[in-house]
Amino acid sequence: MHLAIIATVTSAKPATDSQRTHRLIAKPLAAHGISTSQVGRILAGLDLKPHLVRGWLTRPDDPDFHAKAAEACGLYLYRPPASVVLSVDEKTAMQARSRRHPTRPARGRVA
């Protein structure tokens, strides 16, 4: 039951002018015997708030997408011994900031 609700909330892109209510989410799940109140309780228990989603992540139309994503996630979960895993994300809308004190040598942050 939980998986059916999660799949419904995360797999279908909502209409841009609609708000995702528990009733709207429960409508396609009624055939499985899932009620509106069950949707509300399960989403609250999992701390999922689909009504607050402002954007939607669309995956590429690549049939191997899930296999590639699983391989990339595997690097983080099962890092080979004595290795370093780096992640680089290009953010074209962000500009590099200049250093506050360019004459001072750069140093690492202390955790």
PDB file of N, CA and C in Angstrom:
ATOM      1  N   MET A   1       0.831  -1.179   0.000  1.00  0.00           N
ATOM      2  CA  MET A   1       0.000   0.000   0.000  1.00  0.00           C
ATOM      3  C   MET A   1       0.885   1.256   0.000  1.00  0.00           C
ATOM      4  N   HIS A   2       1.914   1.266   0.856  1.00  0.00           N
ATOM      5  CA  HIS A   2       2.813   2.410   0.904  1.00  0.00           C
ATOM      6  C   HIS A   2       3.470   2.642  -0.453  1.00  0.00           C
ATOM      7  N   LEU A   3       3.925   1.559  -1.069  1.00  0.00           N
ATOM      8  CA  LEU A   3       4.617   1.697  -2.352  1.00  0.00           C
ATOM      9  C   LEU A   3       3.697   2.229  -3.442  1.00  0.00           C
ATOM     10  N   ALA A   4       2.442   1.808  -3.424  1.00  0.00           N
ATOM     11  CA  ALA A   4       1.494   2.300  -4.427  1.00  0.00           C
ATOM     12  C   ALA A   4       1.300   3.807  -4.296  1.00  0.00           C
ATOM     13  N   ILE A   5       1.229   4.286  -3.070  1.00  0.00           N
ATOM     14  CA  ILE A   5       1.051   5.726  -2.837  1.00  0.00           C
ATOM     15  C   ILE A   5       2.300   6.488  -3.239  1.00  0.00           C
ATOM     16  N   ILE A   6       3.460   5.986  -2.836  1.00  0.00           N
ATOM     17  CA  ILE A   6       4.716   6.648  -3.189  1.00  0.00           C
ATOM     18  C   ILE A   6       4.899   6.676  -4.700  1.00  0.00           C
ATOM     19  N   ALA A   7       4.604   5.556  -5.375  1.00  0.00           N
ATOM     20  CA  ALA A   7       4.732   5.509  -6.834  1.00  0.00           C
ATOM     21  C   ALA A   7       3.790   6.505  -7.493  1.00  0.00           C
ATOM     22  N   THR A   8       2.574   6.629  -6.985  1.00  0.00           N
ATOM     23  CA  THR A   8       1.611   7.573  -7.553  1.00  0.00           C
ATOM     24  C   THR A   8       2.089   9.009  -7.375  1.00  0.00           C
ATOM     25  N   VAL A   9       2.627   9.313  -6.217  1.00  0.00           N
ATOM     26  CA  VAL A   9       3.057  10.681  -5.927  1.00  0.00           C
ATOM     27  C   VAL A   9       4.310  11.054  -6.716  1.00  0.00           C
ATOM     28  N   THR A  10       5.207  10.108  -6.921  1.00  0.00           N
ATOM     29  CA  THR A  10       6.496  10.441  -7.527  1.00  0.00           C
ATOM     30  C   THR A  10       6.600  10.147  -9.016  1.00  0.00           C
ATOM     31  N   SER A  11       5.674   9.390  -9.585  1.00  0.00           N
ATOM     32  CA  SER A  11       5.844   9.016 -10.987  1.00  0.00           C
ATOM     33  C   SER A  11       5.101   9.909 -11.972  1.00  0.00           C
ATOM     34  N   ALA A  12       4.015  10.486 -11.571  1.00  0.00           N
ATOM     35  CA  ALA A  12       3.231  11.300 -12.500  1.00  0.00           C
ATOM     36  C   ALA A  12       3.466  12.775 -12.242  1.00  0.00           C
ATOM     37  N   LYS A  13       3.815  13.490 -13.292  1.00  0.00           N
ATOM     38  CA  LYS A  13       4.022  14.930 -13.168  1.00  0.00           C
ATOM     39  C   LYS A  13       2.665  15.608 -12.991  1.00  0.00           C
ATOM     40  N   PRO A  14       2.509  16.424 -11.950  1.00  0.00           N
ATOM     41  CA  PRO A  14       1.218  17.084 -11.740  1.00  0.00           C
ATOM     42  C   PRO A  14       0.987  18.187 -12.772  1.00  0.00           C
ATOM     43  N   ALA A  15      -0.280  18.491 -13.001  1.00  0.00           N
ATOM     44  CA  ALA A  15      -0.618  19.604 -13.887  1.00  0.00           C
ATOM     45  C   ALA A  15      -0.127  20.896 -13.251  1.00  0.00           C
ATOM     46  N   THR A  16       0.281  21.830 -14.074  1.00  0.00           N
ATOM     47  CA  THR A  16       0.870  23.061 -13.547  1.00  0.00           C
ATOM     48  C   THR A  16      -0.125  23.908 -12.778  1.00  0.00           C
ATOM     49  N   ASP A  17      -1.402  23.796 -13.098  1.00  0.00           N
ATOM     50  CA  ASP A  17      -2.386  24.637 -12.430  1.00  0.00           C
ATOM     51  C   ASP A  17      -3.147  23.906 -11.325  1.00  0.00           C
ATOM     52  N   SER A  18      -2.714  22.702 -10.981  1.00  0.00           N
ATOM     53  CA  SER A  18      -3.428  21.958  -9.950  1.00  0.00           C
ATOM     54  C   SER A  18      -2.576  21.809  -8.704  1.00  0.00           C
ATOM     55  N   GLN A  19      -3.243  21.581  -7.597  1.00  0.00           N
ATOM     56  CA  GLN A  19      -2.555  21.321  -6.343  1.00  0.00           C
ATOM     57  C   GLN A  19      -2.843  19.881  -5.971  1.00  0.00           C
ATOM     58  N   ARG A  20      -1.827  19.177  -5.539  1.00  0.00           N
ATOM     59  CA  ARG A  20      -1.990  17.766  -5.217  1.00  0.00           C
ATOM     60  C   ARG A  20      -2.634  17.625  -3.844  1.00  0.00           C
ATOM     61  N   THR A  21      -3.871  17.202  -3.837  1.00  0.00           N
ATOM     62  CA  THR A  21      -4.578  16.964  -2.589  1.00  0.00           C
ATOM     63  C   THR A  21      -4.593  15.464  -2.328  1.00  0.00           C
ATOM     64  N   HIS A  22      -4.905  15.086  -1.098  1.00  0.00           N
ATOM     65  CA  HIS A  22      -4.996  13.669  -0.765  1.00  0.00           C
ATOM     66  C   HIS A  22      -6.091  13.001  -1.596  1.00  0.00           C
ATOM     67  N   ARG A  23      -7.165  13.706  -1.838  1.00  0.00           N
ATOM     68  CA  ARG A  23      -8.262  13.152  -2.632  1.00  0.00           C
ATOM     69  C   ARG A  23      -7.814  12.894  -4.073  1.00  0.00           C
ATOM     70  N   LEU A  24      -7.061  13.827  -4.635  1.00  0.00           N
ATOM     71  CA  LEU A  24      -6.576  13.672  -6.001  1.00  0.00           C
ATOM     72  C   LEU A  24      -5.589  12.509  -6.108  1.00  0.00           C
ATOM     73  N   ILE A  25      -4.763  12.338  -5.085  1.00  0.00           N
ATOM     74  CA  ILE A  25      -3.797  11.232  -5.082  1.00  0.00           C
ATOM     75  C   ILE A  25      -4.519   9.900  -4.899  1.00  0.00           C
ATOM     76  N   ALA A  26      -5.560   9.873  -4.067  1.00  0.00           N
ATOM     77  CA  ALA A  26      -6.271   8.632  -3.770  1.00  0.00           C
ATOM     78  C   ALA A  26      -7.170   8.167  -4.909  1.00  0.00           C
ATOM     79  N   LYS A  27      -7.545   9.077  -5.798  1.00  0.00           N
ATOM     80  CA  LYS A  27      -8.493   8.737  -6.870  1.00  0.00           C
ATOM     81  C   LYS A  27      -8.039   7.541  -7.717  1.00  0.00           C
ATOM     82  N   PRO A  28      -6.798   7.533  -8.261  1.00  0.00           N
ATOM     83  CA  PRO A  28      -6.407   6.358  -9.053  1.00  0.00           C
ATOM     84  C   PRO A  28      -6.128   5.120  -8.199  1.00  0.00           C
ATOM     85  N   LEU A  29      -6.017   5.286  -6.889  1.00  0.00           N
ATOM     86  CA  LEU A  29      -5.724   4.159  -6.009  1.00  0.00           C
ATOM     87  C   LEU A  29      -6.973   3.542  -5.401  1.00  0.00           C
ATOM     88  N   ALA A  30      -8.146   4.109  -5.706  1.00  0.00           N
ATOM     89  CA  ALA A  30      -9.404   3.601  -5.147  1.00  0.00           C
ATOM     90  C   ALA A  30      -9.641   2.148  -5.547  1.00  0.00           C
ATOM     91  N   ALA A  31      -9.185   1.767  -6.730  1.00  0.00           N
ATOM     92  CA  ALA A  31      -9.354   0.382  -7.185  1.00  0.00           C
ATOM     93  C   ALA A  31      -8.581  -0.599  -6.301  1.00  0.00           C
ATOM     94  N   HIS A  32      -7.568  -0.106  -5.608  1.00  0.00           N
ATOM     95  CA  HIS A  32      -6.771  -0.953  -4.709  1.00  0.00           C
ATOM     96  C   HIS A  32      -7.279  -0.888  -3.272  1.00  0.00           C
ATOM     97  N   GLY A  33      -8.376  -0.170  -3.065  1.00  0.00           N
ATOM     98  CA  GLY A  33      -8.963  -0.066  -1.737  1.00  0.00           C
ATOM     99  C   GLY A  33      -8.273   0.935  -0.835  1.00  0.00           C
ATOM    100  N   ILE A  34      -7.566   1.890  -1.417  1.00  0.00           N
ATOM    101  CA  ILE A  34      -6.862   2.899  -0.632  1.00  0.00           C
ATOM    102  C   ILE A  34      -7.731   4.148  -0.559  1.00  0.00           C
ATOM    103  N   SER A  35      -7.987   4.603   0.660  1.00  0.00           N
ATOM    104  CA  SER A  35      -8.867   5.753   0.856  1.00  0.00           C
ATOM    105  C   SER A  35      -8.069   7.047   0.970  1.00  0.00           C
ATOM    106  N   THR A  36      -8.794   8.138   0.918  1.00  0.00           N
ATOM    107  CA  THR A  36      -8.175   9.463   1.047  1.00  0.00           C
ATOM    108  C   THR A  36      -7.497   9.621   2.405  1.00  0.00           C
ATOM    109  N   SER A  37      -8.141   9.138   3.458  1.00  0.00           N
ATOM    110  CA  SER A  37      -7.554   9.269   4.800  1.00  0.00           C
ATOM    111  C   SER A  37      -6.293   8.412   4.935  1.00  0.00           C
ATOM    112  N   GLN A  38      -6.264   7.234   4.286  1.00  0.00           N
ATOM    113  CA  GLN A  38      -5.059   6.415   4.320  1.00  0.00           C
ATOM    114  C   GLN A  38      -3.910   7.120   3.616  1.00  0.00           C
ATOM    115  N   VAL A  39      -4.207   7.768   2.496  1.00  0.00           N
ATOM    116  CA  VAL A  39      -3.172   8.526   1.780  1.00  0.00           C
ATOM    117  C   VAL A  39      -2.608   9.597   2.697  1.00  0.00           C
ATOM    118  N   GLY A  40      -3.469  10.326   3.385  1.00  0.00           N
ATOM    119  CA  GLY A  40      -3.014  11.381   4.287  1.00  0.00           C
ATOM    120  C   GLY A  40      -2.147  10.847   5.417  1.00  0.00           C
ATOM    121  N   ARG A  41      -2.569   9.742   6.029  1.00  0.00           N
ATOM    122  CA  ARG A  41      -1.794   9.167   7.135  1.00  0.00           C
ATOM    123  C   ARG A  41      -0.441   8.653   6.661  1.00  0.00           C
ATOM    124  N   ILE A  42      -0.417   7.990   5.529  1.00  0.00           N
ATOM    125  CA  ILE A  42       0.839   7.420   5.025  1.00  0.00           C
ATOM    126  C   ILE A  42       1.800   8.518   4.604  1.00  0.00           C
ATOM    127  N   LEU A  43       1.305   9.530   3.894  1.00  0.00           N
ATOM    128  CA  LEU A  43       2.183  10.628   3.501  1.00  0.00           C
ATOM    129  C   LEU A  43       2.723  11.373   4.724  1.00  0.00           C
ATOM    130  N   ALA A  44       1.881  11.565   5.740  1.00  0.00           N
ATOM    131  CA  ALA A  44       2.333  12.231   6.960  1.00  0.00           C
ATOM    132  C   ALA A  44       3.373  11.383   7.682  1.00  0.00           C
ATOM    133  N   GLY A  45       3.145  10.069   7.729  1.00  0.00           N
ATOM    134  CA  GLY A  45       4.092   9.178   8.394  1.00  0.00           C
ATOM    135  C   GLY A  45       5.441   9.129   7.700  1.00  0.00           C
ATOM    136  N   LEU A  46       5.446   9.296   6.386  1.00  0.00           N
ATOM    137  CA  LEU A  46       6.692   9.280   5.621  1.00  0.00           C
ATOM    138  C   LEU A  46       7.264  10.684   5.435  1.00  0.00           C
ATOM    139  N   ASP A  47       6.579  11.677   5.951  1.00  0.00           N
ATOM    140  CA  ASP A  47       6.970  13.082   5.815  1.00  0.00           C
ATOM    141  C   ASP A  47       7.087  13.494   4.345  1.00  0.00           C
ATOM    142  N   LEU A  48       6.180  12.998   3.520  1.00  0.00           N
ATOM    143  CA  LEU A  48       6.107  13.394   2.108  1.00  0.00           C
ATOM    144  C   LEU A  48       5.057  14.485   1.977  1.00  0.00           C
ATOM    145  N   LYS A  49       5.407  15.544   1.269  1.00  0.00           N
ATOM    146  CA  LYS A  49       4.504  16.683   1.113  1.00  0.00           C
ATOM    147  C   LYS A  49       4.392  17.065  -0.362  1.00  0.00           C
ATOM    148  N   PRO A  50       3.663  16.260  -1.141  1.00  0.00           N
ATOM    149  CA  PRO A  50       3.579  16.536  -2.573  1.00  0.00           C
ATOM    150  C   PRO A  50       2.902  17.857  -2.902  1.00  0.00           C
ATOM    151  N   HIS A  51       2.107  18.386  -1.995  1.00  0.00           N
ATOM    152  CA  HIS A  51       1.445  19.670  -2.251  1.00  0.00           C
ATOM    153  C   HIS A  51       2.431  20.833  -2.211  1.00  0.00           C
ATOM    154  N   LEU A  52       3.638  20.608  -1.699  1.00  0.00           N
ATOM    155  CA  LEU A  52       4.640  21.667  -1.639  1.00  0.00           C
ATOM    156  C   LEU A  52       5.625  21.619  -2.809  1.00  0.00           C
ATOM    157  N   VAL A  53       5.479  20.645  -3.683  1.00  0.00           N
ATOM    158  CA  VAL A  53       6.402  20.508  -4.816  1.00  0.00           C
ATOM    159  C   VAL A  53       6.180  21.658  -5.782  1.00  0.00           C
ATOM    160  N   ARG A  54       7.250  22.391  -6.088  1.00  0.00           N
ATOM    161  CA  ARG A  54       7.160  23.528  -7.012  1.00  0.00           C
ATOM    162  C   ARG A  54       7.762  23.192  -8.368  1.00  0.00           C
ATOM    163  N   GLY A  55       8.569  22.197  -8.426  1.00  0.00           N
ATOM    164  CA  GLY A  55       9.196  21.799  -9.684  1.00  0.00           C
ATOM    165  C   GLY A  55       9.132  20.297  -9.814  1.00  0.00           C
ATOM    166  N   TRP A  56       9.605  19.798 -10.919  1.00  0.00           N
ATOM    167  CA  TRP A  56       9.538  18.371 -11.154  1.00  0.00           C
ATOM    168  C   TRP A  56      10.796  17.944 -11.872  1.00  0.00           C
ATOM    169  N   LEU A  57      11.407  16.891 -11.384  1.00  0.00           N
ATOM    170  CA  LEU A  57      12.613  16.363 -11.992  1.00  0.00           C
ATOM    171  C   LEU A  57      12.203  15.367 -13.064  1.00  0.00           C
ATOM    172  N   THR A  58      12.541  15.650 -14.286  1.00  0.00           N
ATOM    173  CA  THR A  58      12.217  14.724 -15.363  1.00  0.00           C
ATOM    174  C   THR A  58      13.478  13.981 -15.754  1.00  0.00           C
ATOM    175  N   ARG A  59      13.335  12.695 -15.933  1.00  0.00           N
ATOM    176  CA  ARG A  59      14.493  11.906 -16.324  1.00  0.00           C
ATOM    177  C   ARG A  59      14.591  11.895 -17.836  1.00  0.00           C
ATOM    178  N   PRO A  60      15.799  11.724 -18.346  1.00  0.00           N
ATOM    179  CA  PRO A  60      15.964  11.697 -19.796  1.00  0.00           C
ATOM    180  C   PRO A  60      15.285  10.473 -20.403  1.00  0.00           C
ATOM    181  N   ASP A  61      14.953  10.548 -21.666  1.00  0.00           N
ATOM    182  CA  ASP A  61      14.340   9.415 -22.365  1.00  0.00           C
ATOM    183  C   ASP A  61      15.408   8.418 -22.777  1.00  0.00           C
ATOM    184  N   ASP A  62      16.172   7.976 -21.816  1.00  0.00           N
ATOM    185  CA  ASP A  62      17.243   7.015 -22.046  1.00  0.00           C
ATOM    186  C   ASP A  62      16.814   5.691 -21.423  1.00  0.00           C
ATOM    187  N   PRO A  63      16.697   4.627 -22.220  1.00  0.00           N
ATOM    188  CA  PRO A  63      16.259   3.353 -21.646  1.00  0.00           C
ATOM    189  C   PRO A  63      17.243   2.794 -20.616  1.00  0.00           C
ATOM    190  N   ASP A  64      18.493   3.231 -20.649  1.00  0.00           N
ATOM    191  CA  ASP A  64      19.498   2.750 -19.703  1.00  0.00           C
ATOM    192  C   ASP A  64      19.672   3.688 -18.514  1.00  0.00           C
ATOM    193  N   PHE A  65      18.765   4.658 -18.358  1.00  0.00           N
ATOM    194  CA  PHE A  65      18.914   5.660 -17.305  1.00  0.00           C
ATOM    195  C   PHE A  65      19.019   5.031 -15.919  1.00  0.00           C
ATOM    196  N   HIS A  66      18.121   4.106 -15.588  1.00  0.00           N
ATOM    197  CA  HIS A  66      18.112   3.518 -14.251  1.00  0.00           C
ATOM    198  C   HIS A  66      19.381   2.709 -13.994  1.00  0.00           C
ATOM    199  N   ALA A  67      19.867   2.006 -15.000  1.00  0.00           N
ATOM    200  CA  ALA A  67      21.105   1.241 -14.838  1.00  0.00           C
ATOM    201  C   ALA A  67      22.293   2.180 -14.615  1.00  0.00           C
ATOM    202  N   LYS A  68      22.342   3.280 -15.369  1.00  0.00           N
ATOM    203  CA  LYS A  68      23.426   4.258 -15.203  1.00  0.00           C
ATOM    204  C   LYS A  68      23.350   4.926 -13.832  1.00  0.00           C
ATOM    205  N   ALA A  69      22.140   5.273 -13.402  1.00  0.00           N
ATOM    206  CA  ALA A  69      21.968   5.910 -12.095  1.00  0.00           C
ATOM    207  C   ALA A  69      22.355   4.950 -10.972  1.00  0.00           C
ATOM    208  N   ALA A  70      21.982   3.680 -11.106  1.00  0.00           N
ATOM    209  CA  ALA A  70      22.343   2.688 -10.087  1.00  0.00           C
ATOM    210  C   ALA A  70      23.853   2.508 -10.016  1.00  0.00           C
ATOM    211  N   GLU A  71      24.513   2.546 -11.154  1.00  0.00           N
ATOM    212  CA  GLU A  71      25.975   2.417 -11.180  1.00  0.00           C
ATOM    213  C   GLU A  71      26.637   3.611 -10.491  1.00  0.00           C
ATOM    214  N   ALA A  72      26.135   4.818 -10.763  1.00  0.00           N
ATOM    215  CA  ALA A  72      26.696   6.017 -10.131  1.00  0.00           C
ATOM    216  C   ALA A  72      26.448   5.996  -8.622  1.00  0.00           C
ATOM    217  N   CYS A  73      25.255   5.616  -8.212  1.00  0.00           N
ATOM    218  CA  CYS A  73      24.953   5.548  -6.774  1.00  0.00           C
ATOM    219  C   CYS A  73      25.787   4.472  -6.093  1.00  0.00           C
ATOM    220  N   GLY A  74      26.063   3.381  -6.815  1.00  0.00           N
ATOM    221  CA  GLY A  74      26.894   2.307  -6.271  1.00  0.00           C
ATOM    222  C   GLY A  74      28.289   2.777  -5.916  1.00  0.00           C
ATOM    223  N   LEU A  75      28.809   3.745  -6.673  1.00  0.00           N
ATOM    224  CA  LEU A  75      30.133   4.282  -6.349  1.00  0.00           C
ATOM    225  C   LEU A  75      30.150   4.939  -4.980  1.00  0.00           C
ATOM    226  N   TYR A  76      29.068   5.617  -4.628  1.00  0.00           N
ATOM    227  CA  TYR A  76      28.999   6.267  -3.325  1.00  0.00           C
ATOM    228  C   TYR A  76      28.750   5.255  -2.210  1.00  0.00           C
ATOM    229  N   LEU A  77      27.900   4.277  -2.483  1.00  0.00           N
ATOM    230  CA  LEU A  77      27.561   3.302  -1.452  1.00  0.00           C
ATOM    231  C   LEU A  77      28.681   2.295  -1.205  1.00  0.00           C
ATOM    232  N   TYR A  78      29.347   1.878  -2.271  1.00  0.00           N
ATOM    233  CA  TYR A  78      30.377   0.836  -2.177  1.00  0.00           C
ATOM    234  C   TYR A  78      31.667   1.336  -2.812  1.00  0.00           C
ATOM    235  N   ARG A  79      32.227   2.365  -2.213  1.00  0.00           N
ATOM    236  CA  ARG A  79      33.452   2.976  -2.735  1.00  0.00           C
ATOM    237  C   ARG A  79      34.586   1.975  -2.692  1.00  0.00           C
ATOM    238  N   PRO A  80      35.340   1.824  -3.788  1.00  0.00           N
ATOM    239  CA  PRO A  80      36.490   0.917  -3.776  1.00  0.00           C
ATOM    240  C   PRO A  80      37.505   1.351  -2.713  1.00  0.00           C
ATOM    241  N   PRO A  81      38.194   0.393  -2.098  1.00  0.00           N
ATOM    242  CA  PRO A  81      39.160   0.742  -1.055  1.00  0.00           C
ATOM    243  C   PRO A  81      40.247   1.680  -1.585  1.00  0.00           C
ATOM    244  N   ALA A  82      40.705   2.564  -0.729  1.00  0.00           N
ATOM    245  CA  ALA A  82      41.785   3.509  -1.032  1.00  0.00           C
ATOM    246  C   ALA A  82      41.478   4.345  -2.268  1.00  0.00           C
ATOM    247  N   SER A  83      40.226   4.768  -2.410  1.00  0.00           N
ATOM    248  CA  SER A  83      39.855   5.594  -3.554  1.00  0.00           C
ATOM    249  C   SER A  83      39.130   6.842  -3.069  1.00  0.00           C
ATOM    250  N   VAL A  84      39.038   7.792  -3.945  1.00  0.00           N
ATOM    251  CA  VAL A  84      38.323   9.034  -3.663  1.00  0.00           C
ATOM    252  C   VAL A  84      37.247   9.184  -4.731  1.00  0.00           C
ATOM    253  N   VAL A  85      36.026   9.448  -4.318  1.00  0.00           N
ATOM    254  CA  VAL A  85      34.926   9.638  -5.252  1.00  0.00           C
ATOM    255  C   VAL A  85      34.572  11.121  -5.250  1.00  0.00           C
ATOM    256  N   LEU A  86      34.650  11.738  -6.409  1.00  0.00           N
ATOM    257  CA  LEU A  86      34.317  13.158  -6.546  1.00  0.00           C
ATOM    258  C   LEU A  86      33.050  13.308  -7.367  1.00  0.00           C
ATOM    259  N   SER A  87      32.269  14.300  -7.033  1.00  0.00           N
ATOM    260  CA  SER A  87      31.070  14.611  -7.789  1.00  0.00           C
ATOM    261  C   SER A  87      31.184  16.045  -8.278  1.00  0.00           C
ATOM    262  N   VAL A  88      30.998  16.232  -9.560  1.00  0.00           N
ATOM    263  CA  VAL A  88      31.088  17.568 -10.147  1.00  0.00           C
ATOM    264  C   VAL A  88      29.752  17.871 -10.809  1.00  0.00           C
ATOM    265  N   ASP A  89      29.171  18.983 -10.444  1.00  0.00           N
ATOM    266  CA  ASP A  89      27.882  19.374 -10.993  1.00  0.00           C
ATOM    267  C   ASP A  89      28.043  20.749 -11.618  1.00  0.00           C
ATOM    268  N   GLU A  90      27.773  20.844 -12.887  1.00  0.00           N
ATOM    269  CA  GLU A  90      27.886  22.126 -13.578  1.00  0.00           C
ATOM    270  C   GLU A  90      26.605  22.914 -13.376  1.00  0.00           C
ATOM    271  N   LYS A  91      26.745  24.086 -12.846  1.00  0.00           N
ATOM    272  CA  LYS A  91      25.590  24.961 -12.635  1.00  0.00           C
ATOM    273  C   LYS A  91      25.792  26.187 -13.502  1.00  0.00           C
ATOM    274  N   THR A  92      25.200  26.177 -14.665  1.00  0.00           N
ATOM    275  CA  THR A  92      25.441  27.248 -15.626  1.00  0.00           C
ATOM    276  C   THR A  92      24.889  28.590 -15.170  1.00  0.00           C
ATOM    277  N   ALA A  93      23.905  28.579 -14.297  1.00  0.00           N
ATOM    278  CA  ALA A  93      23.313  29.834 -13.859  1.00  0.00           C
ATOM    279  C   ALA A  93      24.089  30.478 -12.713  1.00  0.00           C
ATOM    280  N   MET A  94      25.042  29.743 -12.140  1.00  0.00           N
ATOM    281  CA  MET A  94      25.810  30.296 -11.026  1.00  0.00           C
ATOM    282  C   MET A  94      27.144  30.831 -11.520  1.00  0.00           C
ATOM    283  N   GLN A  95      27.536  31.929 -11.012  1.00  0.00           N
ATOM    284  CA  GLN A  95      28.813  32.522 -11.367  1.00  0.00           C
ATOM    285  C   GLN A  95      29.813  32.233 -10.269  1.00  0.00           C
ATOM    286  N   ALA A  96      31.057  32.008 -10.652  1.00  0.00           N
ATOM    287  CA  ALA A  96      32.108  31.803  -9.665  1.00  0.00           C
ATOM    288  C   ALA A  96      32.305  33.103  -8.888  1.00  0.00           C
ATOM    289  N   ARG A  97      32.468  32.979  -7.596  1.00  0.00           N
ATOM    290  CA  ARG A  97      32.669  34.162  -6.761  1.00  0.00           C
ATOM    291  C   ARG A  97      34.154  34.413  -6.589  1.00  0.00           C
ATOM    292  N   SER A  98      34.505  35.656  -6.545  1.00  0.00           N
ATOM    293  CA  SER A  98      35.906  35.984  -6.299  1.00  0.00           C
ATOM    294  C   SER A  98      36.196  35.795  -4.814  1.00  0.00           C
ATOM    295  N   ARG A  99      37.440  35.538  -4.509  1.00  0.00           N
ATOM    296  CA  ARG A  99      37.842  35.332  -3.123  1.00  0.00           C
ATOM    297  C   ARG A  99      37.800  36.651  -2.363  1.00  0.00           C
ATOM    298  N   ARG A 100      37.432  36.550  -1.116  1.00  0.00           N
ATOM    299  CA  ARG A 100      37.343  37.739  -0.278  1.00  0.00           C
ATOM    300  C   ARG A 100      38.730  38.331  -0.022  1.00  0.00           C
ATOM    301  N   HIS A 101      39.717  37.479   0.197  1.00  0.00           N
ATOM    302  CA  HIS A 101      41.088  37.910   0.467  1.00  0.00           C
ATOM    303  C   HIS A 101      42.026  37.199  -0.513  1.00  0.00           C
ATOM    304  N   PRO A 102      42.155  37.695  -1.742  1.00  0.00           N
ATOM    305  CA  PRO A 102      42.944  36.978  -2.752  1.00  0.00           C
ATOM    306  C   PRO A 102      44.432  36.900  -2.434  1.00  0.00           C
ATOM    307  N   THR A 103      44.939  37.749  -1.565  1.00  0.00           N
ATOM    308  CA  THR A 103      46.370  37.701  -1.265  1.00  0.00           C
ATOM    309  C   THR A 103      46.706  36.659  -0.207  1.00  0.00           C
ATOM    310  N   ARG A 104      45.736  36.202   0.536  1.00  0.00           N
ATOM    311  CA  ARG A 104      45.969  35.168   1.549  1.00  0.00           C
ATOM    312  C   ARG A 104      45.935  33.787   0.896  1.00  0.00           C
ATOM    313  N   PRO A 105      46.743  32.850   1.373  1.00  0.00           N
ATOM    314  CA  PRO A 105      46.705  31.494   0.802  1.00  0.00           C
ATOM    315  C   PRO A 105      45.388  30.799   1.171  1.00  0.00           C
ATOM    316  N   ALA A 106      44.890  29.992   0.272  1.00  0.00           N
ATOM    317  CA  ALA A 106      43.665  29.240   0.517  1.00  0.00           C
ATOM    318  C   ALA A 106      43.960  28.117   1.496  1.00  0.00           C
ATOM    319  N   ARG A 107      42.998  27.820   2.349  1.00  0.00           N
ATOM    320  CA  ARG A 107      43.163  26.709   3.287  1.00  0.00           C
ATOM    321  C   ARG A 107      41.848  25.961   3.370  1.00  0.00           C
ATOM    322  N   GLY A 108      41.938  24.697   3.754  1.00  0.00           N
ATOM    323  CA  GLY A 108      40.743  23.865   3.860  1.00  0.00           C
ATOM    324  C   GLY A 108      39.915  24.223   5.076  1.00  0.00           C
ATOM    325  N   ARG A 109      38.659  23.875   5.039  1.00  0.00           N
ATOM    326  CA  ARG A 109      37.780  24.117   6.175  1.00  0.00           C
ATOM    327  C   ARG A 109      38.003  23.065   7.254  1.00  0.00           C
ATOM    328  N   VAL A 110      37.870  23.468   8.466  1.00  0.00           N
ATOM    329  CA  VAL A 110      37.997  22.555   9.590  1.00  0.00           C
ATOM    330  C   VAL A 110      36.596  22.116   9.975  1.00  0.00           C
ATOM    331  N   ALA A 111      36.389  20.791   9.990  1.00  0.00           N
ATOM    332  CA  ALA A 111      35.047  20.268  10.285  1.00  0.00           C
ATOM    333  C   ALA A 111      34.786  20.182  11.757  1.00  0.00           C
TER     334      ALA A 111
END
